[in-house]
Protein backbone atom coordinates (compact mmCIF):
# COMPACT_ATOMS: atom_id res chain seq x y z
CA MET A 1 0.30 -0.09 -0.18
CA PRO A 2 1.31 3.40 -1.01
CA SER A 3 2.25 6.09 1.62
CA PRO A 4 -0.24 8.62 1.96
CA ASP A 5 2.85 11.28 2.08
CA LEU A 6 3.65 10.04 -1.75
CA PRO A 7 1.99 11.55 -4.41
CA SER A 8 -1.25 9.13 -6.23
CA MET A 9 0.49 7.17 -9.43
CA THR A 10 -2.80 9.48 -10.82
CA THR A 11 -1.12 12.57 -10.19
CA LEU A 12 -1.14 14.60 -13.36
CA GLY A 13 1.15 17.55 -13.76
CA ILE A 14 0.89 20.15 -16.35
CA LEU A 15 3.82 22.55 -17.00
CA LEU A 16 2.42 25.91 -18.46
CA GLU A 17 5.53 27.93 -19.62
CA SER A 18 3.23 29.99 -22.28
CA GLY A 19 1.82 33.11 -21.35
CA THR A 20 -1.04 32.71 -24.26
CA HIS A 21 -4.08 33.05 -23.77
CA ALA A 22 -5.05 29.83 -26.31
CA ARG A 23 -2.15 27.74 -23.57
CA ALA A 24 -3.06 29.02 -20.78
CA HIS A 25 -6.77 27.96 -21.24
CA TYR A 26 -6.60 25.18 -22.95
CA ALA A 27 -4.02 24.10 -19.59
CA LEU A 28 -7.40 24.73 -17.14
CA VAL A 29 -9.69 22.54 -19.48
CA VAL A 30 -7.15 19.59 -19.20
CA ALA A 31 -6.81 20.27 -15.47
CA ALA A 32 -10.57 20.01 -14.78
CA GLY A 33 -11.28 17.58 -16.92
CA ALA A 34 -8.81 15.63 -15.12
CA ALA A 35 -9.36 16.79 -11.71
CA ALA A 36 -13.37 16.14 -12.95
CA ILE A 37 -12.39 11.88 -13.29
CA GLY A 38 -10.64 12.03 -9.78
CA ARG A 39 -6.88 12.75 -10.71
CA ASP A 40 -4.65 14.77 -8.63
CA VAL A 41 -3.33 17.49 -10.52
CA VAL A 42 -0.74 20.08 -10.31
CA VAL A 43 -0.41 22.99 -12.40
CA PHE A 44 2.83 24.33 -12.42
CA ALA A 45 3.55 27.69 -14.47
CA THR A 46 6.65 29.70 -15.37
CA ASN A 47 8.03 32.35 -17.07
CA ARG A 48 4.83 34.08 -18.72
CA GLY A 49 2.51 30.89 -18.50
CA CYS A 50 2.50 32.80 -14.49
CA LEU A 51 0.47 35.23 -15.78
CA LEU A 52 -2.00 32.62 -15.42
CA LEU A 53 -1.78 32.90 -11.90
CA ALA A 54 -2.35 36.60 -11.38
CA GLU A 55 -4.98 38.18 -9.24
CA PRO A 56 -6.55 39.98 -11.41
CA CYS A 57 -5.57 37.65 -14.70
CA PRO A 58 -4.39 40.08 -17.89
CA LEU A 59 -5.30 36.61 -19.42
CA MET A 60 -9.10 37.10 -18.40
CA ASP A 61 -8.83 40.99 -20.55
CA ASP A 62 -7.83 39.47 -23.65
CA PRO A 63 -10.40 39.02 -26.86
CA ARG A 64 -10.09 35.76 -27.16
CA GLU A 65 -11.68 35.24 -23.69
CA ALA A 66 -15.15 37.17 -24.69
CA ALA A 67 -15.02 34.91 -28.00
CA ILE A 68 -14.74 31.71 -26.59
CA ALA A 69 -17.76 32.80 -23.96
CA ALA A 70 -19.84 33.89 -26.50
CA ARG A 71 -19.58 30.25 -28.57
CA GLY A 72 -20.75 28.75 -24.96
CA VAL A 73 -16.88 27.74 -24.19
CA ALA A 74 -15.66 28.33 -20.19
CA GLY A 75 -13.25 30.49 -20.17
CA ILE A 76 -10.27 31.49 -17.89
CA ALA A 77 -12.18 32.72 -15.00
CA THR A 78 -14.95 29.91 -14.96
CA LEU A 79 -11.94 27.01 -15.30
CA ARG A 80 -9.71 28.23 -12.69
CA ALA A 81 -12.61 28.36 -9.70
CA ALA A 82 -13.43 25.02 -10.91
CA CYS A 83 -10.09 23.73 -10.46
CA ILE A 84 -9.63 25.66 -7.10
CA GLU A 85 -12.87 23.78 -6.28
CA MET A 86 -11.82 20.62 -7.52
CA GLY A 87 -8.70 20.87 -5.15
CA VAL A 88 -6.11 21.65 -8.01
CA ARG A 89 -2.52 22.43 -6.71
CA LEU A 90 -1.78 25.90 -8.17
CA ILE A 91 2.18 26.43 -8.15
CA ALA A 92 4.01 29.54 -9.39
CA CYS A 93 7.23 29.01 -10.49
CA ASP A 94 9.58 31.64 -8.28
CA ALA A 95 12.55 31.19 -10.74
CA GLY A 96 9.99 31.83 -13.39
CA LEU A 97 8.62 35.17 -11.52
CA ARG A 98 11.77 36.39 -11.58
CA ALA A 99 13.00 35.93 -14.65
CA GLU A 100 10.32 37.79 -16.30
CA GLU A 101 10.11 40.63 -13.50
CA LEU A 102 7.13 39.56 -11.99
CA VAL A 103 7.60 39.07 -8.82
CA ASP A 104 5.73 41.71 -7.40
CA MET A 105 2.82 40.37 -9.10
CA PRO A 106 -0.46 39.76 -6.89
CA LEU A 107 -1.10 36.08 -7.30
CA ALA A 108 -4.65 34.35 -7.13
CA ALA A 109 -5.68 33.13 -3.29
CA GLY A 110 -3.88 29.29 -2.64
CA VAL A 111 -1.38 29.69 -5.54
CA GLU A 112 1.87 28.95 -4.02
CA VAL A 113 5.31 29.68 -5.22
CA ALA A 114 8.01 26.72 -5.43
CA GLY A 115 10.33 25.68 -7.42
CA ILE A 116 10.59 22.91 -10.14
CA VAL A 117 11.76 20.26 -7.24
CA THR A 118 8.18 21.01 -5.33
CA PHE A 119 6.62 20.31 -9.19
CA LEU A 120 8.60 16.72 -9.68
CA GLN A 121 8.27 15.86 -5.98
CA ALA A 122 4.17 16.62 -6.00
CA LEU A 123 4.17 14.45 -9.16
CA GLY A 124 6.01 11.20 -8.36
CA ALA A 125 5.73 8.98 -10.83
CA GLY A 126 2.77 10.42 -12.65
CA GLN A 127 2.37 12.14 -16.00
CA VAL A 128 3.25 15.42 -17.30
CA VAL A 129 1.76 17.68 -19.81
CA THR A 130 3.37 20.83 -21.25
CA LEU A 131 2.12 23.72 -22.71
């Protein structure tokens, strides 16, 4: 029987490096989908991907956000709230924040600031999707 301190073999790690709306949005789509089927999920945002975890999130002002909402597709605000509600772990990369000069950027409630080692420890033998 696995130790309760070790991550689940079904843990899904999402590494978000890009700060584009499309990639950030789909990172949340994947995270929400995996959490909805009972997987443990960790989103690790680095470099410009950290914008997804800002409060307020500048990606919500992207014209694509309004366009997809008009088409009946959940946007970043809805997906991020759903992910938080389902227990998705959100981590902003300390080095990524510094590299992009975003250290003073306010982060959404519950967002951790940590490094790649924390992300990898959280994954254990789980899977990684990079966007």
